[in-house]
């Protein structure tokens, strides 16, 4: 292809997005925000558990508090997953951090 043909192809791609594509983008963003709210609500319910129940999941009350006070756009569930896995790894190595 010649250079002029490449330029024409780029102009066609850079055009305005169709309404369906823009709507899908907006719905995707709203879905992600709803999921963040829902996850934070469910993690806040972990405060209702006692320390022994949290430790059964590999968590401490401080982990739940830190997850909830993280930035809004950070996923608190991934933080709790990492904390639980790290605690499990330490437990299986014989190191106790209760």
Foldseek 3Di string as FASTA:
>chain_A
DDPVVVVVVVVVVPDDDDPVVVVVVVVVVVVLLVVLVVQLVVLVCCVVDDQVVQVVQQHGPVLSVVLNPDDSNDRSVVSRVVNSVVQVVCVVVPHHDD
